[in-house]
Protein backbone atom coordinates (compact mmCIF):
# COMPACT_ATOMS: atom_id res chain seq x y z
CA UNK A 1 41.10 85.44 75.47
CA UNK A 2 42.55 87.90 77.97
CA UNK A 3 43.42 85.13 80.42
CA UNK A 4 45.40 83.30 77.69
CA UNK A 5 47.47 86.41 76.86
CA UNK A 6 48.13 87.02 80.54
CA UNK A 7 49.41 83.49 81.04
CA UNK A 8 51.72 83.74 78.05
CA UNK A 9 53.23 86.99 79.33
CA UNK A 10 54.13 85.51 82.74
CA UNK A 11 55.91 82.46 81.37
CA UNK A 12 58.13 84.37 78.95
CA UNK A 13 59.65 86.70 81.58
CA UNK A 14 60.50 83.98 84.08
CA UNK A 15 62.81 82.03 81.76
CA UNK A 16 65.38 84.87 81.26
CA UNK A 17 65.67 85.72 84.98
CA UNK A 18 68.98 83.85 85.61
CA UNK A 19 71.11 86.00 83.29
CA UNK A 20 69.34 89.21 84.36
CA UNK A 21 70.46 88.78 88.00
CA UNK A 22 74.16 88.75 87.13
CA UNK A 23 73.96 91.59 84.62
CA UNK A 24 72.33 93.82 87.24
CA UNK A 25 75.40 93.38 89.48
CA UNK A 26 77.88 94.46 86.79
CA UNK A 27 77.22 98.23 87.20
CA UNK A 28 77.62 97.98 90.98
CA UNK A 29 80.92 96.11 90.65
CA UNK A 30 82.10 98.60 88.02
CA UNK A 31 81.26 101.53 90.32
CA UNK A 32 83.23 99.93 93.19
CA UNK A 33 86.27 99.45 90.95
CA UNK A 34 86.11 103.08 89.78
CA UNK A 35 85.77 104.37 93.37
CA UNK A 36 88.71 102.22 94.45
CA UNK A 37 91.09 103.53 91.80
CA UNK A 38 89.94 107.17 91.88
CA UNK A 39 89.29 107.73 95.60
CA UNK A 40 90.39 104.98 97.98
CA UNK A 41 93.81 104.05 96.56
CA UNK A 42 95.17 107.62 96.22
CA UNK A 43 93.99 108.45 99.75
CA UNK A 44 95.77 105.39 101.16
CA UNK A 45 98.96 106.36 99.32
CA UNK A 46 98.82 109.92 100.66
CA UNK A 47 98.20 108.66 104.19
CA UNK A 48 101.18 106.30 103.96
CA UNK A 49 103.48 109.13 102.77
CA UNK A 50 102.29 111.34 105.67
CA UNK A 51 103.03 108.60 108.23
CA UNK A 52 106.52 108.07 106.78
CA UNK A 53 107.23 111.81 106.86
CA UNK A 54 106.15 112.05 110.51
CA UNK A 55 108.28 109.05 111.49
CA UNK A 56 111.39 110.60 109.88
CA UNK A 57 111.19 113.93 111.74
CA UNK A 58 114.29 114.78 113.74
CA UNK A 59 115.84 117.63 115.65
CA UNK A 60 116.69 120.61 113.43
CA UNK A 61 114.01 120.03 110.76
CA UNK A 62 112.03 123.09 109.72
CA UNK A 63 108.30 122.28 109.65
CA UNK A 64 104.83 123.73 109.16
CA UNK A 65 102.02 122.55 111.43
CA UNK A 66 98.45 121.97 110.33
CA UNK A 67 97.59 125.19 112.17
CA UNK A 68 100.04 127.16 110.03
CA UNK A 69 102.88 127.65 112.53
CA UNK A 70 106.37 127.62 111.03
CA UNK A 71 109.21 126.51 113.24
CA UNK A 72 112.27 124.36 113.90
CA UNK A 73 112.17 121.12 115.90
CA UNK A 74 114.29 121.40 119.06
CA UNK A 75 113.32 118.14 120.79
CA UNK A 76 111.36 115.03 119.88
CA UNK A 77 109.47 112.50 121.93
CA UNK A 78 107.33 109.46 121.29
CA UNK A 79 104.08 111.35 120.63
CA UNK A 80 105.09 115.01 121.02
CA UNK A 81 107.85 117.37 119.95
CA UNK A 82 109.05 120.83 120.91
CA UNK A 83 109.11 123.42 118.14
CA UNK A 84 110.83 126.80 118.32
CA UNK A 85 108.64 129.30 116.50
CA UNK A 86 110.65 132.44 117.42
CA UNK A 87 113.76 133.26 119.45
CA UNK A 88 113.31 131.62 122.87
CA UNK A 89 109.64 130.82 122.11
CA UNK A 90 108.98 127.09 122.13
CA UNK A 91 105.72 125.19 121.89
CA UNK A 92 104.98 121.52 122.40
CA UNK A 93 102.93 119.89 119.63
CA UNK A 94 101.80 116.37 118.74
CA UNK A 95 103.56 114.61 115.90
CA UNK A 96 100.33 114.24 113.96
CA UNK A 97 99.86 117.99 113.67
CA UNK A 98 102.88 118.38 111.36
CA UNK A 99 101.63 119.17 107.86
CA UNK A 100 104.92 119.31 105.96
CA UNK A 101 108.68 119.53 106.26
CA UNK A 102 110.08 122.70 104.71
CA UNK A 103 113.75 121.88 105.12
CA UNK A 104 115.34 118.78 106.57
CA UNK A 105 118.33 119.23 108.85
CA UNK A 106 120.35 116.91 106.59
CA UNK A 107 119.97 119.33 103.64
CA UNK A 108 122.60 122.08 103.44
CA UNK A 109 121.22 125.53 104.13
CA UNK A 110 121.46 128.14 101.38
CA UNK A 111 124.19 130.68 101.95
CA UNK A 112 123.09 134.31 102.04
CA UNK A 113 124.93 136.70 99.73
CA UNK A 114 126.01 140.04 101.15
């Protein structure tokens, strides 16, 4: 009697195995889609904007480096640029260390009121 029940239990589970394989992949695919739209895509967009900002740097732009130095670009090169951080104090930095542009040289500077 026990051997008959055991045999019946094995046959019933094997017939529904085809659909169970695909349905077990659905949560994994769903997780990948969620990670793509919440993590990967925004990071790629931010990286693209950073590259464009670095490529558009020119002499006269006021910048902030990733180390926190504020300065004005006095010369640019292929991979490096010279930044004036105080009167007659210039440092050479790599283009990739620029965190943000504070004021572009094409924007008019605000006039000080006396």
